[in-house]
Amino acid sequence: MPADEHRVVCHLDELLTARGMTLAELSERVGLSVVNLSILKNNRAKAVRFTTLTALCDALDCSPGDLFSVEEG
């Protein structure tokens, strides 16, 4: 596997749908741009800060394990 590839999958889209929340609304709640949240949602992020992860979990009332999973390789 090339160094820039990973098997971590973000489930932000599913969590937003389940909570009836838009990306714009989440952006306002966590203080991140819609563009950065979109990068995360579309599995193009290279890293996530713990402060961002905490804010997302607080806003979505979830745990990191709800937000991310690791695909089998």
PDB file of N, CA and C in Angstrom:
ATOM      1  N   MET A   1       0.850  -1.176   0.000  1.00  0.00           N
ATOM      2  CA  MET A   1       0.000   0.000   0.000  1.00  0.00           C
ATOM      3  C   MET A   1       0.899   1.243   0.000  1.00  0.00           C
ATOM      4  N   PRO A   2       0.657   2.183  -0.911  1.00  0.00           N
ATOM      5  CA  PRO A   2       1.437   3.426  -0.928  1.00  0.00           C
ATOM      6  C   PRO A   2       1.275   4.188   0.377  1.00  0.00           C
ATOM      7  N   ALA A   3       2.288   4.957   0.741  1.00  0.00           N
ATOM      8  CA  ALA A   3       2.295   5.660   2.023  1.00  0.00           C
ATOM      9  C   ALA A   3       1.135   6.631   2.194  1.00  0.00           C
ATOM     10  N   ASP A   4       0.601   7.174   1.104  1.00  0.00           N
ATOM     11  CA  ASP A   4      -0.467   8.164   1.232  1.00  0.00           C
ATOM     12  C   ASP A   4      -1.864   7.541   1.236  1.00  0.00           C
ATOM     13  N   GLU A   5      -1.950   6.229   1.159  1.00  0.00           N
ATOM     14  CA  GLU A   5      -3.257   5.566   1.203  1.00  0.00           C
ATOM     15  C   GLU A   5      -3.516   5.033   2.608  1.00  0.00           C
ATOM     16  N   HIS A   6      -4.775   4.918   2.953  1.00  0.00           N
ATOM     17  CA  HIS A   6      -5.162   4.382   4.250  1.00  0.00           C
ATOM     18  C   HIS A   6      -6.480   3.658   4.103  1.00  0.00           C
ATOM     19  N   ARG A   7      -6.878   2.957   5.145  1.00  0.00           N
ATOM     20  CA  ARG A   7      -8.127   2.188   5.113  1.00  0.00           C
ATOM     21  C   ARG A   7      -9.155   2.741   6.093  1.00  0.00           C
ATOM     22  N   VAL A   8      -8.907   3.931   6.630  1.00  0.00           N
ATOM     23  CA  VAL A   8      -9.852   4.555   7.554  1.00  0.00           C
ATOM     24  C   VAL A   8     -10.980   5.189   6.749  1.00  0.00           C
ATOM     25  N   VAL A   9     -12.206   4.892   7.134  1.00  0.00           N
ATOM     26  CA  VAL A   9     -13.386   5.399   6.431  1.00  0.00           C
ATOM     27  C   VAL A   9     -14.177   6.292   7.382  1.00  0.00           C
ATOM     28  N   CYS A  10     -14.562   7.459   6.894  1.00  0.00           N
ATOM     29  CA  CYS A  10     -15.352   8.399   7.674  1.00  0.00           C
ATOM     30  C   CYS A  10     -16.840   8.200   7.373  1.00  0.00           C
ATOM     31  N   HIS A  11     -17.636   8.162   8.414  1.00  0.00           N
ATOM     32  CA  HIS A  11     -19.083   7.946   8.270  1.00  0.00           C
ATOM     33  C   HIS A  11     -19.873   9.223   8.561  1.00  0.00           C
ATOM     34  N   LEU A  12     -19.262  10.362   8.269  1.00  0.00           N
ATOM     35  CA  LEU A  12     -19.891  11.651   8.554  1.00  0.00           C
ATOM     36  C   LEU A  12     -21.220  11.807   7.819  1.00  0.00           C
ATOM     37  N   ASP A  13     -21.266  11.402   6.575  1.00  0.00           N
ATOM     38  CA  ASP A  13     -22.489  11.532   5.782  1.00  0.00           C
ATOM     39  C   ASP A  13     -23.653  10.776   6.427  1.00  0.00           C
ATOM     40  N   GLU A  14     -23.398   9.547   6.853  1.00  0.00           N
ATOM     41  CA  GLU A  14     -24.444   8.744   7.478  1.00  0.00           C
ATOM     42  C   GLU A  14     -24.912   9.358   8.801  1.00  0.00           C
ATOM     43  N   LEU A  15     -23.968   9.879   9.576  1.00  0.00           N
ATOM     44  CA  LEU A  15     -24.325  10.497  10.857  1.00  0.00           C
ATOM     45  C   LEU A  15     -25.137  11.770  10.648  1.00  0.00           C
ATOM     46  N   LEU A  16     -24.762  12.555   9.653  1.00  0.00           N
ATOM     47  CA  LEU A  16     -25.529  13.770   9.347  1.00  0.00           C
ATOM     48  C   LEU A  16     -26.959  13.421   8.941  1.00  0.00           C
ATOM     49  N   THR A  17     -27.095  12.430   8.082  1.00  0.00           N
ATOM     50  CA  THR A  17     -28.420  12.004   7.622  1.00  0.00           C
ATOM     51  C   THR A  17     -29.262  11.514   8.795  1.00  0.00           C
ATOM     52  N   ALA A  18     -28.666  10.695   9.646  1.00  0.00           N
ATOM     53  CA  ALA A  18     -29.392  10.137  10.792  1.00  0.00           C
ATOM     54  C   ALA A  18     -29.850  11.223  11.759  1.00  0.00           C
ATOM     55  N   ARG A  19     -29.130  12.332  11.804  1.00  0.00           N
ATOM     56  CA  ARG A  19     -29.469  13.409  12.730  1.00  0.00           C
ATOM     57  C   ARG A  19     -30.215  14.556  12.054  1.00  0.00           C
ATOM     58  N   GLY A  20     -30.476  14.419  10.762  1.00  0.00           N
ATOM     59  CA  GLY A  20     -31.198  15.462  10.041  1.00  0.00           C
ATOM     60  C   GLY A  20     -30.433  16.773  10.013  1.00  0.00           C
ATOM     61  N   MET A  21     -29.116  16.688   9.928  1.00  0.00           N
ATOM     62  CA  MET A  21     -28.265  17.866   9.984  1.00  0.00           C
ATOM     63  C   MET A  21     -27.551  18.054   8.643  1.00  0.00           C
ATOM     64  N   THR A  22     -27.368  19.301   8.261  1.00  0.00           N
ATOM     65  CA  THR A  22     -26.633  19.593   7.028  1.00  0.00           C
ATOM     66  C   THR A  22     -25.157  19.825   7.346  1.00  0.00           C
ATOM     67  N   LEU A  23     -24.345  19.744   6.324  1.00  0.00           N
ATOM     68  CA  LEU A  23     -22.921  20.017   6.477  1.00  0.00           C
ATOM     69  C   LEU A  23     -22.709  21.468   6.918  1.00  0.00           C
ATOM     70  N   ALA A  24     -23.515  22.382   6.397  1.00  0.00           N
ATOM     71  CA  ALA A  24     -23.420  23.793   6.780  1.00  0.00           C
ATOM     72  C   ALA A  24     -23.745  23.986   8.260  1.00  0.00           C
ATOM     73  N   GLU A  25     -24.762  23.296   8.744  1.00  0.00           N
ATOM     74  CA  GLU A  25     -25.129  23.393  10.158  1.00  0.00           C
ATOM     75  C   GLU A  25     -24.008  22.834  11.041  1.00  0.00           C
ATOM     76  N   LEU A  26     -23.442  21.698  10.642  1.00  0.00           N
ATOM     77  CA  LEU A  26     -22.331  21.120  11.390  1.00  0.00           C
ATOM     78  C   LEU A  26     -21.139  22.068  11.387  1.00  0.00           C
ATOM     79  N   SER A  27     -20.895  22.697  10.260  1.00  0.00           N
ATOM     80  CA  SER A  27     -19.802  23.650  10.131  1.00  0.00           C
ATOM     81  C   SER A  27     -19.937  24.763  11.166  1.00  0.00           C
ATOM     82  N   GLU A  28     -21.132  25.295  11.306  1.00  0.00           N
ATOM     83  CA  GLU A  28     -21.377  26.352  12.290  1.00  0.00           C
ATOM     84  C   GLU A  28     -21.171  25.852  13.715  1.00  0.00           C
ATOM     85  N   ARG A  29     -21.606  24.634  13.980  1.00  0.00           N
ATOM     86  CA  ARG A  29     -21.520  24.087  15.338  1.00  0.00           C
ATOM     87  C   ARG A  29     -20.082  23.792  15.769  1.00  0.00           C
ATOM     88  N   VAL A  30     -19.258  23.337  14.838  1.00  0.00           N
ATOM     89  CA  VAL A  30     -17.901  22.930  15.215  1.00  0.00           C
ATOM     90  C   VAL A  30     -16.832  23.946  14.852  1.00  0.00           C
ATOM     91  N   GLY A  31     -17.194  24.966  14.079  1.00  0.00           N
ATOM     92  CA  GLY A  31     -16.225  25.994  13.730  1.00  0.00           C
ATOM     93  C   GLY A  31     -15.230  25.582  12.661  1.00  0.00           C
ATOM     94  N   LEU A  32     -15.628  24.668  11.810  1.00  0.00           N
ATOM     95  CA  LEU A  32     -14.798  24.257  10.671  1.00  0.00           C
ATOM     96  C   LEU A  32     -15.488  24.664   9.386  1.00  0.00           C
ATOM     97  N   SER A  33     -14.700  24.921   8.352  1.00  0.00           N
ATOM     98  CA  SER A  33     -15.304  25.311   7.079  1.00  0.00           C
ATOM     99  C   SER A  33     -16.024  24.121   6.448  1.00  0.00           C
ATOM    100  N   VAL A  34     -17.014  24.431   5.634  1.00  0.00           N
ATOM    101  CA  VAL A  34     -17.730  23.394   4.896  1.00  0.00           C
ATOM    102  C   VAL A  34     -16.757  22.638   3.999  1.00  0.00           C
ATOM    103  N   VAL A  35     -15.783  23.351   3.424  1.00  0.00           N
ATOM    104  CA  VAL A  35     -14.795  22.713   2.555  1.00  0.00           C
ATOM    105  C   VAL A  35     -14.000  21.659   3.324  1.00  0.00           C
ATOM    106  N   ASN A  36     -13.523  22.006   4.520  1.00  0.00           N
ATOM    107  CA  ASN A  36     -12.755  21.038   5.305  1.00  0.00           C
ATOM    108  C   ASN A  36     -13.614  19.859   5.747  1.00  0.00           C
ATOM    109  N   LEU A  37     -14.853  20.114   6.122  1.00  0.00           N
ATOM    110  CA  LEU A  37     -15.752  19.019   6.482  1.00  0.00           C
ATOM    111  C   LEU A  37     -16.049  18.137   5.277  1.00  0.00           C
ATOM    112  N   SER A  38     -16.166  18.733   4.110  1.00  0.00           N
ATOM    113  CA  SER A  38     -16.403  17.966   2.885  1.00  0.00           C
ATOM    114  C   SER A  38     -15.221  17.058   2.570  1.00  0.00           C
ATOM    115  N   ILE A  39     -14.014  17.551   2.781  1.00  0.00           N
ATOM    116  CA  ILE A  39     -12.810  16.732   2.575  1.00  0.00           C
ATOM    117  C   ILE A  39     -12.851  15.524   3.504  1.00  0.00           C
ATOM    118  N   LEU A  40     -13.236  15.746   4.747  1.00  0.00           N
ATOM    119  CA  LEU A  40     -13.349  14.659   5.713  1.00  0.00           C
ATOM    120  C   LEU A  40     -14.456  13.691   5.303  1.00  0.00           C
ATOM    121  N   LYS A  41     -15.605  14.232   4.960  1.00  0.00           N
ATOM    122  CA  LYS A  41     -16.771  13.423   4.589  1.00  0.00           C
ATOM    123  C   LYS A  41     -16.494  12.534   3.384  1.00  0.00           C
ATOM    124  N   ASN A  42     -15.701  13.043   2.451  1.00  0.00           N
ATOM    125  CA  ASN A  42     -15.409  12.303   1.221  1.00  0.00           C
ATOM    126  C   ASN A  42     -14.136  11.462   1.314  1.00  0.00           C
ATOM    127  N   ASN A  43     -13.679  11.242   2.540  1.00  0.00           N
ATOM    128  CA  ASN A  43     -12.527  10.376   2.802  1.00  0.00           C
ATOM    129  C   ASN A  43     -11.253  10.827   2.103  1.00  0.00           C
ATOM    130  N   ARG A  44     -11.059  12.137   2.008  1.00  0.00           N
ATOM    131  CA  ARG A  44      -9.837  12.665   1.397  1.00  0.00           C
ATOM    132  C   ARG A  44      -8.915  13.315   2.425  1.00  0.00           C
ATOM    133  N   ALA A  45      -9.319  13.305   3.699  1.00  0.00           N
ATOM    134  CA  ALA A  45      -8.491  13.909   4.751  1.00  0.00           C
ATOM    135  C   ALA A  45      -7.275  13.031   5.027  1.00  0.00           C
ATOM    136  N   LYS A  46      -6.157  13.673   5.306  1.00  0.00           N
ATOM    137  CA  LYS A  46      -4.925  12.956   5.638  1.00  0.00           C
ATOM    138  C   LYS A  46      -4.781  12.780   7.151  1.00  0.00           C
ATOM    139  N   ALA A  47      -5.421  13.656   7.922  1.00  0.00           N
ATOM    140  CA  ALA A  47      -5.322  13.615   9.382  1.00  0.00           C
ATOM    141  C   ALA A  47      -6.501  14.370   9.985  1.00  0.00           C
ATOM    142  N   VAL A  48      -6.756  14.103  11.262  1.00  0.00           N
ATOM    143  CA  VAL A  48      -7.800  14.802  12.003  1.00  0.00           C
ATOM    144  C   VAL A  48      -7.241  15.155  13.373  1.00  0.00           C
ATOM    145  N   ARG A  49      -7.344  16.399  13.750  1.00  0.00           N
ATOM    146  CA  ARG A  49      -6.891  16.823  15.083  1.00  0.00           C
ATOM    147  C   ARG A  49      -7.849  16.278  16.138  1.00  0.00           C
ATOM    148  N   PHE A  50      -7.301  15.992  17.315  1.00  0.00           N
ATOM    149  CA  PHE A  50      -8.156  15.525  18.403  1.00  0.00           C
ATOM    150  C   PHE A  50      -9.187  16.578  18.789  1.00  0.00           C
ATOM    151  N   THR A  51      -8.844  17.848  18.699  1.00  0.00           N
ATOM    152  CA  THR A  51      -9.814  18.900  19.021  1.00  0.00           C
ATOM    153  C   THR A  51     -10.970  18.883  18.020  1.00  0.00           C
ATOM    154  N   THR A  52     -10.659  18.623  16.756  1.00  0.00           N
ATOM    155  CA  THR A  52     -11.697  18.511  15.730  1.00  0.00           C
ATOM    156  C   THR A  52     -12.559  17.286  15.974  1.00  0.00           C
ATOM    157  N   LEU A  53     -11.922  16.177  16.281  1.00  0.00           N
ATOM    158  CA  LEU A  53     -12.652  14.940  16.558  1.00  0.00           C
ATOM    159  C   LEU A  53     -13.578  15.122  17.759  1.00  0.00           C
ATOM    160  N   THR A  54     -13.092  15.772  18.793  1.00  0.00           N
ATOM    161  CA  THR A  54     -13.912  16.028  19.976  1.00  0.00           C
ATOM    162  C   THR A  54     -15.110  16.909  19.632  1.00  0.00           C
ATOM    163  N   ALA A  55     -14.870  17.962  18.861  1.00  0.00           N
ATOM    164  CA  ALA A  55     -15.962  18.868  18.471  1.00  0.00           C
ATOM    165  C   ALA A  55     -16.996  18.140  17.622  1.00  0.00           C
ATOM    166  N   LEU A  56     -16.545  17.306  16.698  1.00  0.00           N
ATOM    167  CA  LEU A  56     -17.475  16.541  15.859  1.00  0.00           C
ATOM    168  C   LEU A  56     -18.301  15.575  16.705  1.00  0.00           C
ATOM    169  N   CYS A  57     -17.646  14.870  17.615  1.00  0.00           N
ATOM    170  CA  CYS A  57     -18.363  13.927  18.473  1.00  0.00           C
ATOM    171  C   CYS A  57     -19.374  14.645  19.364  1.00  0.00           C
ATOM    172  N   ASP A  58     -18.995  15.810  19.888  1.00  0.00           N
ATOM    173  CA  ASP A  58     -19.935  16.589  20.708  1.00  0.00           C
ATOM    174  C   ASP A  58     -21.136  17.039  19.887  1.00  0.00           C
ATOM    175  N   ALA A  59     -20.889  17.572  18.694  1.00  0.00           N
ATOM    176  CA  ALA A  59     -21.965  18.101  17.850  1.00  0.00           C
ATOM    177  C   ALA A  59     -22.884  16.997  17.335  1.00  0.00           C
ATOM    178  N   LEU A  60     -22.321  15.821  17.085  1.00  0.00           N
ATOM    179  CA  LEU A  60     -23.102  14.718  16.520  1.00  0.00           C
ATOM    180  C   LEU A  60     -23.557  13.723  17.579  1.00  0.00           C
ATOM    181  N   ASP A  61     -23.195  13.973  18.841  1.00  0.00           N
ATOM    182  CA  ASP A  61     -23.527  13.074  19.949  1.00  0.00           C
ATOM    183  C   ASP A  61     -23.143  11.633  19.602  1.00  0.00           C
ATOM    184  N   CYS A  62     -21.852  11.472  19.300  1.00  0.00           N
ATOM    185  CA  CYS A  62     -21.360  10.155  18.915  1.00  0.00           C
ATOM    186  C   CYS A  62     -19.978   9.944  19.504  1.00  0.00           C
ATOM    187  N   SER A  63     -19.409   8.788  19.257  1.00  0.00           N
ATOM    188  CA  SER A  63     -18.043   8.491  19.684  1.00  0.00           C
ATOM    189  C   SER A  63     -17.165   8.375  18.436  1.00  0.00           C
ATOM    190  N   PRO A  64     -15.844   8.419  18.605  1.00  0.00           N
ATOM    191  CA  PRO A  64     -14.961   8.296  17.442  1.00  0.00           C
ATOM    192  C   PRO A  64     -15.224   7.025  16.629  1.00  0.00           C
ATOM    193  N   GLY A  65     -15.591   5.947  17.304  1.00  0.00           N
ATOM    194  CA  GLY A  65     -15.885   4.693  16.616  1.00  0.00           C
ATOM    195  C   GLY A  65     -17.129   4.758  15.751  1.00  0.00           C
ATOM    196  N   ASP A  66     -18.036   5.682  16.054  1.00  0.00           N
ATOM    197  CA  ASP A  66     -19.210   5.894  15.203  1.00  0.00           C
ATOM    198  C   ASP A  66     -18.832   6.687  13.960  1.00  0.00           C
ATOM    199  N   LEU A  67     -17.850   7.549  14.121  1.00  0.00           N
ATOM    200  CA  LEU A  67     -17.456   8.457  13.055  1.00  0.00           C
ATOM    201  C   LEU A  67     -16.478   7.816  12.064  1.00  0.00           C
ATOM    202  N   PHE A  68     -15.626   6.909  12.587  1.00  0.00           N
ATOM    203  CA  PHE A  68     -14.619   6.274  11.747  1.00  0.00           C
ATOM    204  C   PHE A  68     -14.604   4.770  11.936  1.00  0.00           C
ATOM    205  N   SER A  69     -14.242   4.068  10.870  1.00  0.00           N
ATOM    206  CA  SER A  69     -13.979   2.634  10.958  1.00  0.00           C
ATOM    207  C   SER A  69     -12.774   2.349  10.064  1.00  0.00           C
ATOM    208  N   VAL A  70     -12.224   1.158  10.207  1.00  0.00           N
ATOM    209  CA  VAL A  70     -11.084   0.743   9.392  1.00  0.00           C
ATOM    210  C   VAL A  70     -11.531  -0.428   8.528  1.00  0.00           C
ATOM    211  N   GLU A  71     -11.380  -0.251   7.217  1.00  0.00           N
ATOM    212  CA  GLU A  71     -11.734  -1.329   6.291  1.00  0.00           C
ATOM    213  C   GLU A  71     -10.705  -2.444   6.369  1.00  0.00           C
ATOM    214  N   GLU A  72     -11.148  -3.648   6.133  1.00  0.00           N
ATOM    215  CA  GLU A  72     -10.212  -4.755   6.090  1.00  0.00           C
ATOM    216  C   GLU A  72      -9.347  -4.650   4.859  1.00  0.00           C
ATOM    217  N   GLY A  73      -8.106  -5.004   5.000  1.00  0.00           N
ATOM    218  CA  GLY A  73      -7.180  -4.873   3.887  1.00  0.00           C
ATOM    219  C   GLY A  73      -6.903  -6.193   3.300  1.00  0.00           C
TER     220      GLY A  73
END
